């Protein structure tokens, strides 16, 4: 049973990271990223995660220093810097 719980936790963590990357990618747009935009630009899995998980992803991204909340309502995330391992892209700072 603990193996099943571990697999579920791993899947949930993977989903959370996927949503965070998706939100962060769209957060570079001038208007930032809202749940509406994330949903429109996302696949079925992203759309199925819901606005609560979007808010959690935004909170985590902000706490990690990758962006800021641009507007509270509707919750709008604005990316400030590239993620270190986002597709092995370099930001030219190194």
Protein backbone atom coordinates (compact mmCIF):
# COMPACT_ATOMS: atom_id res chain seq x y z
CA UNK A 1 0.00 0.00 0.00
CA UNK A 2 2.86 2.43 0.73
CA UNK A 3 4.16 1.88 -2.82
CA UNK A 4 0.79 2.99 -4.19
CA UNK A 5 0.89 6.11 -2.01
CA UNK A 6 4.44 6.84 -3.20
CA UNK A 7 3.38 6.49 -6.84
CA UNK A 8 0.41 8.80 -6.27
CA UNK A 9 2.66 11.36 -4.57
CA UNK A 10 5.14 11.17 -7.43
CA UNK A 11 2.41 11.63 -10.01
CA UNK A 12 0.97 14.58 -8.09
CA UNK A 13 4.42 16.19 -7.84
CA UNK A 14 4.99 15.65 -11.56
CA UNK A 15 1.62 17.25 -12.35
CA UNK A 16 2.44 20.19 -10.10
CA UNK A 17 5.79 20.73 -11.81
CA UNK A 18 4.16 20.47 -15.21
CA UNK A 19 1.61 23.11 -14.27
CA UNK A 20 4.32 25.35 -12.79
CA UNK A 21 6.37 25.18 -16.00
CA UNK A 22 3.27 25.88 -18.10
CA UNK A 23 2.24 28.90 -15.99
CA UNK A 24 5.80 30.21 -15.89
CA UNK A 25 6.19 29.92 -19.66
CA UNK A 26 3.04 31.96 -20.26
CA UNK A 27 3.93 34.39 -17.47
CA UNK A 28 6.47 36.10 -19.74
CA UNK A 29 3.64 37.63 -21.78
CA UNK A 30 3.12 41.35 -21.15
CA UNK A 31 -0.23 40.76 -19.44
CA UNK A 32 1.07 37.82 -17.39
CA UNK A 33 -0.70 34.50 -16.98
CA UNK A 34 -4.18 34.00 -15.56
CA UNK A 35 -5.94 30.69 -15.01
CA UNK A 36 -8.04 31.49 -18.08
CA UNK A 37 -4.94 31.81 -20.28
CA UNK A 38 -3.27 28.74 -18.76
CA UNK A 39 -6.44 26.76 -19.40
CA UNK A 40 -6.81 27.99 -22.99
CA UNK A 41 -3.19 27.26 -23.84
CA UNK A 42 -2.98 24.00 -21.92
CA UNK A 43 -3.77 20.44 -22.83
CA UNK A 44 -6.46 18.29 -21.24
CA UNK A 45 -4.28 17.46 -18.23
CA UNK A 46 -3.56 21.15 -17.53
CA UNK A 47 -7.23 22.10 -17.91
CA UNK A 48 -8.19 19.31 -15.52
CA UNK A 49 -6.00 20.64 -12.72
CA UNK A 50 -8.34 23.52 -11.89
CA UNK A 51 -7.96 27.03 -10.56
CA UNK A 52 -7.01 25.92 -7.04
CA UNK A 53 -3.94 24.09 -8.31
CA UNK A 54 -3.16 27.09 -10.54
CA UNK A 55 -3.15 29.30 -7.42
CA UNK A 56 -0.90 26.80 -5.63
CA UNK A 57 1.50 26.76 -8.60
CA UNK A 58 1.62 30.57 -8.64
CA UNK A 59 2.29 30.66 -4.89
CA UNK A 60 5.14 28.17 -5.27
CA UNK A 61 6.68 30.04 -8.24
CA UNK A 62 6.56 33.31 -6.30
CA UNK A 63 8.08 31.70 -3.19
CA UNK A 64 10.93 30.34 -5.35
CA UNK A 65 11.59 33.83 -6.75
CA UNK A 66 10.65 33.09 -10.37
CA UNK A 67 7.91 35.70 -10.60
CA UNK A 68 5.34 37.87 -8.87
CA UNK A 69 1.61 38.19 -8.53
CA UNK A 70 0.82 41.06 -10.89
CA UNK A 71 -2.90 41.26 -10.02
CA UNK A 72 -4.83 39.57 -7.20
CA UNK A 73 -8.20 39.27 -9.00
CA UNK A 74 -8.12 37.63 -11.37
CA UNK A 75 -4.94 36.02 -10.07
CA UNK A 76 -2.27 36.96 -12.59
CA UNK A 77 1.30 35.66 -12.48
CA UNK A 78 4.18 37.51 -14.13
CA UNK A 79 7.49 35.69 -14.72
CA UNK A 80 10.66 37.58 -13.82
CA UNK A 81 13.42 35.15 -14.76
CA UNK A 82 13.95 31.88 -16.60
CA UNK A 83 13.84 28.64 -14.68
CA UNK A 84 17.31 27.14 -14.32
CA UNK A 85 16.47 23.86 -16.06
CA UNK A 86 13.62 24.93 -18.37
CA UNK A 87 14.52 22.87 -21.41
CA UNK A 88 18.25 23.43 -20.87
CA UNK A 89 17.94 26.96 -22.24
CA UNK A 90 20.48 29.51 -21.13
CA UNK A 91 19.62 33.05 -20.21
CA UNK A 92 22.96 34.45 -21.34
CA UNK A 93 23.99 35.27 -17.78
CA UNK A 94 26.69 32.68 -17.48
